[in-house]
Every structure is written in structure tokens, then in C-alpha cells.
Protein backbone atom coordinates (compact mmCIF):
# COMPACT_ATOMS: atom_id res chain seq x y z
CA MET A 1 -0.75 -7.81 -10.15
CA TYR A 2 -0.89 -6.03 -6.80
CA PHE A 3 -2.76 -2.79 -6.41
CA GLY A 4 -2.98 -0.86 -3.17
CA GLY A 5 -6.31 0.07 -1.68
CA ARG A 6 -5.89 3.85 -1.61
CA PHE A 7 -7.49 4.36 -5.01
CA ASN A 8 -11.02 5.81 -5.04
CA TYR A 9 -13.71 5.85 -7.72
CA MET A 10 -12.86 8.09 -10.67
CA ASP A 11 -15.13 10.77 -12.08
CA THR A 12 -15.76 9.59 -15.67
CA ALA A 13 -16.60 13.13 -16.85
CA ALA A 14 -13.28 14.62 -15.82
CA VAL A 15 -10.24 15.01 -18.07
CA TYR A 16 -7.26 13.54 -16.25
CA GLU A 17 -3.64 14.58 -16.70
CA VAL A 18 -1.49 11.46 -16.47
CA LEU A 19 2.28 11.10 -16.30
CA ILE A 20 3.81 7.84 -17.46
CA LEU A 21 7.45 7.40 -16.48
CA GLU A 22 8.66 4.29 -18.29
CA ASP A 23 12.06 3.88 -19.94
CA HIS A 24 11.18 0.69 -21.81
CA GLU A 25 10.06 1.35 -25.39
CA MET A 26 7.81 -1.73 -25.41
CA TYR A 27 5.87 -0.97 -22.24
CA ARG A 28 5.27 2.78 -22.62
CA PRO A 29 3.13 2.73 -25.81
CA ALA A 30 1.17 -0.29 -24.60
CA PHE A 31 0.49 1.35 -21.26
CA CYS A 32 -0.58 4.59 -22.99
CA ALA A 33 -3.01 2.68 -25.22
CA LEU A 34 -4.47 0.87 -22.23
CA LEU A 35 -5.03 4.12 -20.33
CA GLU A 36 -6.54 5.90 -23.34
CA LYS A 37 -8.97 3.02 -23.83
CA SER A 38 -9.96 2.66 -20.19
CA MET A 39 -10.04 6.29 -19.03
CA LYS A 40 -11.62 7.87 -22.16
CA THR A 41 -10.80 11.48 -21.26
CA VAL A 42 -7.10 11.53 -20.54
CA ASN A 43 -4.09 13.62 -21.51
CA ILE A 44 -0.99 11.47 -21.30
CA HIS A 45 2.45 12.97 -20.71
CA GLU A 46 5.29 10.53 -21.42
CA ALA A 47 8.74 10.53 -19.81
CA SER A 48 11.57 8.04 -20.15
CA ASN A 49 13.83 9.41 -17.39
CA TYR A 50 13.86 11.39 -14.17
CA LYS A 51 14.63 14.77 -15.77
CA GLU A 52 11.77 14.48 -18.27
CA ALA A 53 9.37 13.50 -15.49
CA ILE A 54 10.38 16.46 -13.31
CA ASN A 55 9.97 18.85 -16.27
CA ILE A 56 6.42 17.56 -16.79
CA LEU A 57 5.60 17.75 -13.08
CA SER A 58 6.88 21.34 -13.04
CA SER A 59 4.68 22.44 -15.93
CA VAL A 60 1.48 20.37 -15.79
CA LYS A 61 -0.96 19.71 -12.93
CA ILE A 62 -0.80 15.91 -12.98
CA ASP A 63 -3.64 13.83 -11.46
CA PHE A 64 -2.08 10.36 -11.79
CA ALA A 65 1.52 9.24 -12.19
CA PHE A 66 2.57 5.76 -13.24
CA LEU A 67 6.23 5.51 -12.27
CA ASP A 68 8.63 2.77 -13.33
CA ILE A 69 10.94 2.06 -10.42
CA ALA A 70 14.06 0.99 -12.32
CA LEU A 71 15.19 3.44 -15.00
CA ASN A 72 17.97 1.98 -17.11
CA HIS A 73 17.59 4.38 -20.03
CA PRO A 74 20.69 6.36 -20.99
CA GLY A 75 20.51 9.67 -19.22
CA ALA A 76 18.67 8.25 -16.21
CA ASP A 77 21.42 9.68 -13.96
CA HIS A 78 20.93 6.84 -11.48
CA LYS A 79 17.54 8.29 -10.51
CA THR A 80 14.54 5.97 -10.09
CA GLY A 81 10.79 6.19 -10.06
CA ILE A 82 11.06 6.23 -6.27
CA ASP A 83 13.08 9.46 -6.58
CA VAL A 84 10.23 10.95 -8.62
CA LEU A 85 7.75 9.74 -5.97
CA LYS A 86 9.83 11.46 -3.27
CA TYR A 87 9.86 14.65 -5.38
CA ILE A 88 6.06 14.49 -5.59
CA ARG A 89 5.56 13.85 -1.87
CA THR A 90 8.08 16.42 -0.58
CA ARG A 91 6.28 19.09 -2.60
CA GLU A 92 2.90 17.86 -1.32
CA MET A 93 1.54 17.47 -4.83
CA ASN A 94 -1.92 15.92 -4.84
CA ILE A 95 -1.02 13.13 -7.28
CA ARG A 96 -2.00 9.49 -7.11
CA ALA A 97 1.26 7.71 -7.83
CA ILE A 98 1.26 4.09 -8.95
CA MET A 99 4.59 2.30 -9.13
CA LEU A 100 5.50 -0.05 -12.01
CA SER A 101 8.05 -2.83 -11.63
CA SER A 102 8.89 -6.42 -12.41
CA ASP A 103 10.08 -6.72 -8.80
CA LYS A 104 7.34 -8.51 -6.89
CA THR A 105 9.05 -8.77 -3.51
CA GLN A 106 6.96 -7.64 -0.58
CA GLU A 107 9.89 -5.56 0.65
CA THR A 108 9.87 -3.42 -2.52
CA ILE A 109 6.07 -3.13 -2.55
CA ASP A 110 6.07 -2.01 1.10
CA LYS A 111 8.92 0.46 0.44
CA CYS A 112 6.89 2.12 -2.32
CA LEU A 113 3.63 2.21 -0.34
CA ASP A 114 5.48 3.55 2.72
CA ALA A 115 6.99 6.29 0.52
CA GLY A 116 3.49 7.39 -0.48
CA ALA A 117 2.58 5.35 -3.55
CA SER A 118 -1.13 4.75 -4.06
CA GLY A 119 -0.52 1.39 -5.70
CA TYR A 120 1.94 -1.01 -7.28
CA ILE A 121 1.62 -2.82 -10.61
CA ILE A 122 3.85 -5.80 -11.32
CA LYS A 123 5.05 -5.94 -14.94
CA ALA A 124 5.57 -9.28 -16.67
CA LYS A 125 9.19 -10.27 -16.22
CA ASP A 126 9.16 -12.75 -19.08
CA ALA A 127 8.61 -10.06 -21.74
CA PRO A 128 11.45 -9.56 -24.21
CA ASN A 129 14.09 -7.14 -22.85
CA ALA A 130 12.09 -6.53 -19.64
């Protein structure tokens, strides 16, 4: 797992609004459970495609966004997690965005960090249907 160094200490008393953009039905619930266990006070907003993510970003003040890069879900409209990251950055939203992908190439990691991601988590590629 690679995680960028732009992530500061979190206030454990705060309630965080978190967006999880993940089209894979296996990863999303597991990731939600992990966040709920580790962050304690968190409201999780789930999206499986670009449009759902933008609707959430338009209606909730999100603190953290975990964005799957490749969205293969029907209705994804060829948009990716990087498109959501660009939406966040062009609107100067103060959101820590962490990219999720099974792609562990340095080129992709650098592309995400250069686009404004705060970090990059590599998903296991050997999982069923990953």
C-alpha cells in the first residue's frame, strides 16, 4: 500500500463526512466497515458512479473522499475517480482525496498526486472480480 505524505493528524472528537466512490460491491462495504471502526465518528456517503459522487459533493460538506479510479459500473458514463478529483480541485473544495486502485504503477500514482490527491491506496488485484 502506498499512501502520500500530505495527510495530517485527525481530530478524534470531530465527526467527519466521508465520501466513498467505489463501484465494486465487494470493496465498498468492507471499506465502509473499516472506516467506521477506525474513525469512530464518521458519516459515510456511498457512491458507485460519477453522477452519484457529484450529487453527494453538491449537497454535503465532505471532509475526506476515497475515490476509485476505474469505474466499470453500468452508468459510469466513462467517468473515473480522477474526473471526480478534478471536479473537487477545480471548485477548490477543501477535501482530502485518497485514490483507490489496483494499478500500482508509479506513473498512475504520480498522475493522481499531481492532480491533487492526498494519497493513493493500492487494492488487492487477486481478489475475486477485482
